[in-house]
Amino acid sequence: MATTAKPDAGGQRGRLNRATVIEAAIALADAGGTASLSMRKLGESLGVEAMSLYTHVANKVDLLDGMVDAVFAEIELPDPDAPWRSSMRERAVSVREAMRRHPWAVELMESRRSPGPAMLRHHDTVLGSLRRNGFTVPLAAHAFSLLDSYIYGFASQERALPFSTADETAEVAAEIFTGMVPDEYPYLTELAMTHVMQPGYDYGDEFGYGLEIVLDGLERAAALEAPSGA
């Protein structure tokens, strides 16, 4: 008896390549995280059998490597001719924006044992910006580590918060303080009432404030290491 060919046997398989597979995987991860990402679900989203995917990715680890590299490709690279401080500020903002688009990536960005070209180019460009602006090799390493610890740490904390809008913030604060004994936590109450629950409060604004403090510290460290008269 004749059988009807599945969509996998037609043109969809011919249109597949590594880039389209990774793009589809990122879309699935953006919607449900990497824990829910499987080759079967990815194949279904592309209209093909899961086995067809192994022509383009070796396994899930290779798939995750490609997804992380695609996220690095979205991050703005430092301008080689710009001052290091403005370059690091713009790069930090760009990394955070990428993390907000792809929350699943926060814990994976620096975990790959087989980094892709976008990741390697990104790291090399960041280090180059620091080195060309007078940072010693050790200080450039310290700066890179400090900046990424702050950026990824903030992104991870922001992701975990039980609120994302001013209304949600006020709602969560009200729940926390309901039934609380007056004056039992005076400084926490002060913070909530005079800062967090004020109109226009956005926890995300803390990112820029903290980033400037980090950059101030790096600027002082660079000045201390600069040759006399430089």
Protein backbone atom coordinates (compact mmCIF):
# COMPACT_ATOMS: atom_id res chain seq x y z
CA MET A 1 0.00 0.00 0.00
CA ALA A 2 1.31 3.42 -0.89
CA THR A 3 2.33 5.72 1.97
CA THR A 4 2.10 9.48 2.24
CA ALA A 5 5.42 11.22 2.72
CA LYS A 6 5.83 13.23 5.94
CA PRO A 7 6.74 16.94 5.75
CA ASP A 8 10.24 15.84 6.78
CA ALA A 9 10.71 14.11 3.46
CA GLY A 10 9.93 17.19 1.42
CA GLY A 11 11.33 20.64 1.04
CA GLN A 12 11.61 21.42 4.77
CA ARG A 13 14.55 19.02 5.18
CA GLY A 14 16.31 20.67 2.26
CA ARG A 15 15.89 24.11 3.82
CA LEU A 16 17.43 23.10 7.14
CA ASN A 17 20.93 24.22 8.06
CA ARG A 18 22.80 24.75 11.31
CA ALA A 19 21.72 28.39 11.57
CA THR A 20 18.01 27.66 11.20
CA VAL A 21 18.19 24.80 13.70
CA ILE A 22 19.94 27.02 16.26
CA GLU A 23 17.52 29.88 15.64
CA ALA A 24 14.55 27.57 16.27
CA ALA A 25 16.20 26.18 19.42
CA ILE A 26 16.72 29.70 20.77
CA ALA A 27 13.04 30.50 20.17
CA LEU A 28 12.03 27.39 22.14
CA ALA A 29 14.46 28.20 24.97
CA ASP A 30 13.25 31.80 25.12
CA ALA A 31 9.72 30.49 25.61
CA GLY A 32 10.37 27.66 28.05
CA GLY A 33 14.02 27.50 29.06
CA THR A 34 16.63 24.92 28.10
CA ALA A 35 15.26 22.27 30.48
CA SER A 36 12.24 21.89 28.23
CA LEU A 37 14.32 21.87 25.05
CA SER A 38 14.64 18.46 23.42
CA MET A 39 15.60 17.29 19.97
CA ARG A 40 12.09 15.90 19.55
CA LYS A 41 10.43 19.22 20.36
CA LEU A 42 12.92 21.07 18.19
CA GLY A 43 12.19 18.74 15.29
CA GLU A 44 8.45 19.27 15.75
CA SER A 45 8.88 23.05 15.71
CA LEU A 46 10.73 22.74 12.39
CA GLY A 47 8.35 20.18 10.92
CA VAL A 48 10.96 17.45 10.65
CA GLU A 49 11.91 14.22 12.41
CA ALA A 50 14.39 14.64 15.26
CA MET A 51 16.95 12.49 13.45
CA SER A 52 17.15 15.07 10.67
CA LEU A 53 18.65 17.53 13.12
CA TYR A 54 21.78 15.45 13.66
CA THR A 55 22.95 16.39 10.18
CA HIS A 56 23.43 19.92 11.53
CA VAL A 57 24.21 19.47 15.25
CA ALA A 58 26.08 16.55 16.78
CA ASN A 59 24.05 16.42 20.00
CA LYS A 60 22.39 18.68 22.55
CA VAL A 61 25.72 19.91 23.88
CA ASP A 62 26.70 21.02 20.37
CA LEU A 63 23.27 22.62 20.03
CA LEU A 64 23.75 24.58 23.27
CA ASP A 65 27.23 25.63 22.13
CA GLY A 66 25.71 27.04 18.96
CA MET A 67 22.91 28.79 20.85
CA VAL A 68 25.34 30.47 23.23
CA ASP A 69 27.56 31.57 20.35
CA ALA A 70 24.49 33.06 18.62
CA VAL A 71 23.75 35.09 21.76
CA PHE A 72 27.34 36.33 21.88
CA ALA A 73 26.93 37.41 18.25
CA GLU A 74 24.10 39.73 19.36
CA ILE A 75 26.32 41.61 21.83
CA GLU A 76 27.82 44.89 20.69
CA LEU A 77 31.60 44.67 20.46
CA PRO A 78 33.71 47.47 21.97
CA ASP A 79 34.84 50.14 19.52
CA PRO A 80 38.63 49.69 19.17
CA ASP A 81 39.12 53.45 18.94
CA ALA A 82 36.87 54.44 21.87
CA PRO A 83 38.01 55.05 25.46
CA TRP A 84 37.87 51.88 27.54
CA ARG A 85 35.31 53.20 30.02
CA SER A 86 32.66 54.06 27.44
CA SER A 87 33.40 50.82 25.59
CA MET A 88 32.98 48.70 28.72
CA ARG A 89 29.80 50.58 29.66
CA GLU A 90 28.22 50.04 26.23
CA ARG A 91 29.32 46.41 26.17
CA ALA A 92 27.84 45.81 29.66
CA VAL A 93 24.52 47.32 28.63
CA SER A 94 24.49 45.20 25.46
CA VAL A 95 25.23 42.00 27.42
CA ARG A 96 22.41 42.74 29.86
CA GLU A 97 19.98 43.40 27.01
CA ALA A 98 20.92 40.05 25.46
CA MET A 99 20.34 38.36 28.83
CA ARG A 100 16.91 39.93 29.08
CA ARG A 101 16.02 38.63 25.62
CA HIS A 102 17.41 35.20 26.43
CA PRO A 103 17.11 34.58 30.21
CA TRP A 104 18.15 30.94 29.80
CA ALA A 105 21.58 32.04 28.62
CA VAL A 106 22.65 33.67 31.89
CA GLU A 107 24.00 30.43 33.36
CA LEU A 108 25.50 29.14 30.11
CA MET A 109 27.48 32.06 28.69
CA GLU A 110 30.80 31.15 30.28
CA SER A 111 30.27 27.41 30.65
CA ARG A 112 31.13 26.17 27.15
CA ARG A 113 34.09 23.84 26.62
CA SER A 114 33.91 24.37 22.85
CA PRO A 115 33.44 28.14 22.41
CA GLY A 116 32.31 29.35 19.02
CA PRO A 117 33.83 32.13 16.90
CA ALA A 118 31.47 34.84 18.14
CA MET A 119 32.34 34.09 21.77
CA LEU A 120 36.08 34.01 21.07
CA ARG A 121 35.90 37.24 19.04
CA HIS A 122 33.91 38.90 21.82
CA HIS A 123 36.39 37.98 24.55
CA ASP A 124 39.39 38.93 22.43
CA THR A 125 37.87 42.31 21.54
CA VAL A 126 37.04 43.14 25.16
CA LEU A 127 40.57 42.25 26.29
CA GLY A 128 42.01 44.19 23.37
CA SER A 129 40.08 47.30 24.34
CA LEU A 130 41.48 47.13 27.86
CA ARG A 131 45.05 46.33 26.79
CA ARG A 132 45.17 49.12 24.20
CA ASN A 133 44.07 51.55 26.92
CA GLY A 134 46.96 50.76 29.22
CA PHE A 135 45.62 47.87 31.30
CA THR A 136 48.28 45.33 32.20
CA VAL A 137 47.50 41.70 31.42
CA PRO A 138 46.64 40.90 35.08
CA LEU A 139 44.49 44.02 35.45
CA ALA A 140 42.68 43.29 32.17
CA ALA A 141 41.92 39.80 33.53
CA HIS A 142 40.68 41.28 36.83
CA ALA A 143 38.55 43.84 34.98
CA PHE A 144 36.97 41.26 32.70
CA SER A 145 36.16 38.99 35.65
CA LEU A 146 34.76 41.82 37.76
CA LEU A 147 32.58 43.21 34.98
CA ASP A 148 31.18 39.82 34.01
CA SER A 149 30.55 38.89 37.65
CA TYR A 150 28.55 42.08 38.04
CA ILE A 151 26.68 41.83 34.73
CA TYR A 152 25.77 38.14 34.96
CA GLY A 153 25.07 38.41 38.68
CA PHE A 154 22.69 41.30 38.16
CA ALA A 155 20.98 39.53 35.27
CA SER A 156 20.55 36.39 37.38
CA GLN A 157 19.14 38.34 40.32
CA GLU A 158 16.85 40.37 38.08
CA ARG A 159 15.58 37.16 36.51
CA ALA A 160 14.75 35.68 39.94
CA LEU A 161 12.76 38.64 41.27
CA PRO A 162 9.02 38.00 41.75
CA PHE A 163 8.14 41.29 40.05
CA SER A 164 8.97 43.10 36.84
CA THR A 165 6.69 46.17 36.79
CA ALA A 166 5.99 49.00 39.26
CA ASP A 167 2.52 47.59 39.97
CA GLU A 168 3.92 44.12 40.63
CA THR A 169 6.58 45.62 42.90
CA ALA A 170 3.97 47.41 44.97
CA GLU A 171 1.84 44.26 45.13
CA VAL A 172 4.73 42.09 46.34
CA ALA A 173 5.78 44.70 48.91
CA ALA A 174 2.22 44.90 50.24
CA GLU A 175 2.11 41.10 50.61
CA ILE A 176 5.41 41.08 52.49
CA PHE A 177 4.36 43.77 54.94
CA THR A 178 0.87 42.40 55.56
CA GLY A 179 0.74 41.16 59.14
CA MET A 180 4.24 42.42 59.92
CA VAL A 181 4.64 43.96 63.38
CA PRO A 182 5.08 47.74 63.07
CA ASP A 183 8.70 48.89 63.55
CA GLU A 184 9.96 45.30 63.71
CA TYR A 185 12.08 45.88 60.57
CA PRO A 186 12.48 49.67 60.51
CA TYR A 187 15.13 49.94 57.80
CA LEU A 188 13.44 47.48 55.49
CA THR A 189 10.19 49.40 55.94
CA GLU A 190 11.98 52.68 55.27
CA LEU A 191 13.48 51.29 52.04
CA ALA A 192 10.14 50.00 50.84
CA MET A 193 8.08 53.07 51.70
CA THR A 194 10.49 55.83 50.69
CA HIS A 195 12.22 54.19 47.72
CA VAL A 196 10.87 50.95 46.28
CA MET A 197 7.18 51.87 46.40
CA GLN A 198 7.65 55.36 45.01
CA PRO A 199 6.19 56.17 41.55
CA GLY A 200 8.56 55.30 38.72
CA TYR A 201 10.70 52.86 40.68
CA ASP A 202 12.35 50.26 38.48
CA TYR A 203 14.80 47.76 39.95
CA GLY A 204 16.53 47.64 36.57
CA ASP A 205 17.76 51.19 37.13
CA GLU A 206 20.11 49.81 39.77
CA PHE A 207 22.19 48.27 36.99
CA GLY A 208 23.55 51.56 35.67
CA TYR A 209 24.28 52.90 39.16
CA GLY A 210 26.24 49.81 40.17
CA LEU A 211 28.06 49.67 36.85
CA GLU A 212 29.44 53.19 37.32
CA ILE A 213 30.80 52.19 40.74
CA VAL A 214 32.54 49.18 39.18
CA LEU A 215 34.00 51.36 36.44
CA ASP A 216 35.14 53.94 39.01
CA GLY A 217 37.05 51.22 40.84
CA LEU A 218 38.68 49.96 37.64
CA GLU A 219 39.65 53.50 36.69
CA ARG A 220 41.41 53.96 40.03
CA ALA A 221 43.16 50.60 39.68
CA ALA A 222 44.32 51.49 36.17
CA ALA A 223 45.64 54.85 37.38
CA LEU A 224 47.64 53.16 40.14
CA GLU A 225 49.25 50.78 37.65
CA ALA A 226 49.99 53.43 35.02
CA PRO A 227 53.68 54.32 34.57
CA SER A 228 54.70 57.56 36.26
CA GLY A 229 53.91 60.52 34.01
CA ALA A 230 51.60 58.53 31.74
